[in-house]
Protein backbone atom coordinates (compact mmCIF):
# COMPACT_ATOMS: atom_id res chain seq x y z
CA UNK A 1 -40.88 72.26 81.70
CA UNK A 2 -38.49 74.01 83.91
CA UNK A 3 -35.84 72.11 85.92
CA UNK A 4 -35.00 72.73 89.46
CA UNK A 5 -31.51 74.07 89.87
CA UNK A 6 -28.99 71.39 90.98
CA UNK A 7 -28.49 71.36 94.66
CA UNK A 8 -24.96 71.78 95.98
CA UNK A 9 -23.90 69.95 99.02
CA UNK A 10 -21.35 71.62 101.14
CA UNK A 11 -19.18 69.31 103.14
CA UNK A 12 -19.06 70.85 106.49
CA UNK A 13 -15.88 70.28 108.44
CA UNK A 14 -15.80 69.99 112.13
CA UNK A 15 -17.40 72.89 113.92
CA UNK A 16 -14.56 74.05 116.09
CA UNK A 17 -15.82 77.57 117.03
CA UNK A 18 -18.36 78.53 119.72
CA UNK A 19 -19.91 81.94 119.17
CA UNK A 20 -20.97 83.69 122.32
CA UNK A 21 -24.39 85.52 122.47
CA UNK A 22 -27.01 85.98 125.04
CA UNK A 23 -27.71 82.50 126.16
CA UNK A 24 -26.94 81.55 129.82
CA UNK A 25 -23.24 81.21 130.46
CA UNK A 26 -23.27 77.51 131.31
CA UNK A 27 -24.87 76.77 127.98
CA UNK A 28 -21.66 77.98 126.27
CA UNK A 29 -19.44 76.17 128.81
CA UNK A 30 -21.31 72.91 128.13
CA UNK A 31 -21.06 73.42 124.28
CA UNK A 32 -17.39 74.11 124.52
CA UNK A 33 -16.74 71.05 126.68
CA UNK A 34 -18.75 68.83 124.18
CA UNK A 35 -16.65 70.19 121.31
CA UNK A 36 -13.37 69.57 123.25
CA UNK A 37 -14.31 65.99 123.66
CA UNK A 38 -14.19 65.62 119.80
CA UNK A 39 -11.64 68.29 118.76
CA UNK A 40 -8.18 69.08 120.03
CA UNK A 41 -8.80 72.93 119.78
CA UNK A 42 -12.02 74.92 120.14
CA UNK A 43 -12.11 78.69 119.61
CA UNK A 44 -14.53 80.87 121.70
CA UNK A 45 -15.45 83.90 119.57
CA UNK A 46 -17.31 87.00 120.68
CA UNK A 47 -17.73 90.61 119.82
CA UNK A 48 -18.94 93.76 121.46
CA UNK A 49 -20.70 93.44 124.88
CA UNK A 50 -20.28 89.60 124.75
CA UNK A 51 -16.48 89.77 125.07
CA UNK A 52 -16.72 89.59 128.92
CA UNK A 53 -18.97 86.49 128.73
CA UNK A 54 -16.38 84.79 126.36
CA UNK A 55 -13.66 85.40 128.95
CA UNK A 56 -15.91 84.04 131.65
CA UNK A 57 -16.65 80.90 129.64
CA UNK A 58 -12.87 80.23 129.10
CA UNK A 59 -12.01 80.88 132.74
CA UNK A 60 -14.78 78.55 134.03
CA UNK A 61 -13.43 75.81 131.76
CA UNK A 62 -9.88 76.29 133.05
CA UNK A 63 -10.70 76.61 136.71
CA UNK A 64 -13.41 74.11 137.16
CA UNK A 65 -11.96 71.53 134.84
CA UNK A 66 -8.41 71.83 136.22
CA UNK A 67 -7.83 68.02 136.26
CA UNK A 68 -9.06 67.69 132.66
CA UNK A 69 -5.92 69.44 131.40
CA UNK A 70 -7.27 72.29 129.34
CA UNK A 71 -5.14 75.27 128.53
CA UNK A 72 -5.49 78.63 126.80
CA UNK A 73 -3.95 78.79 123.33
CA UNK A 74 -3.86 81.91 121.21
CA UNK A 75 -5.92 84.95 122.14
CA UNK A 76 -6.73 87.32 119.25
CA UNK A 77 -8.28 90.68 119.64
CA UNK A 78 -9.39 93.02 116.88
CA UNK A 79 -12.28 94.98 115.57
CA UNK A 80 -14.86 94.73 112.74
CA UNK A 81 -16.59 97.49 110.88
CA UNK A 82 -20.32 97.11 111.17
CA UNK A 83 -23.02 99.03 109.33
CA UNK A 84 -25.89 100.02 111.64
CA UNK A 85 -29.51 100.21 110.69
CA UNK A 86 -29.41 103.84 110.04
CA UNK A 87 -26.57 103.44 107.58
CA UNK A 88 -23.67 104.59 109.69
CA UNK A 89 -20.59 102.45 110.14
CA UNK A 90 -18.94 101.81 113.49
CA UNK A 91 -16.17 99.60 114.85
CA UNK A 92 -17.01 96.60 117.02
CA UNK A 93 -14.35 94.93 119.15
CA UNK A 94 -13.77 91.20 118.71
CA UNK A 95 -12.04 88.39 120.59
CA UNK A 96 -11.13 84.84 119.76
CA UNK A 97 -9.83 82.63 122.56
CA UNK A 98 -8.49 79.13 121.79
CA UNK A 99 -8.83 76.43 124.31
CA UNK A 100 -6.66 73.30 123.83
CA UNK A 101 -6.34 69.90 125.36
CA UNK A 102 -2.98 69.85 127.16
């Protein structure tokens, strides 16, 4: 009789990062605002061609929610090495934008 391996339960902490992809822009704005209702700091993360969209999300939150008192925290830029399907490695730019409750 074989026993099933024990299941490990990971305690997930609060999800304080929004990863920008190809969804409509306002979907990320809404997700970020929902997280900001529960967290003091939310980080918007993007890489490659999605970086412009991440900047747009942060600016929409700042400009349209002026009275809510959000502000930009740290902005980190960098690059990651990614291996493509044909086996070559390339660098992809990354950005992380913190939005804080003022």
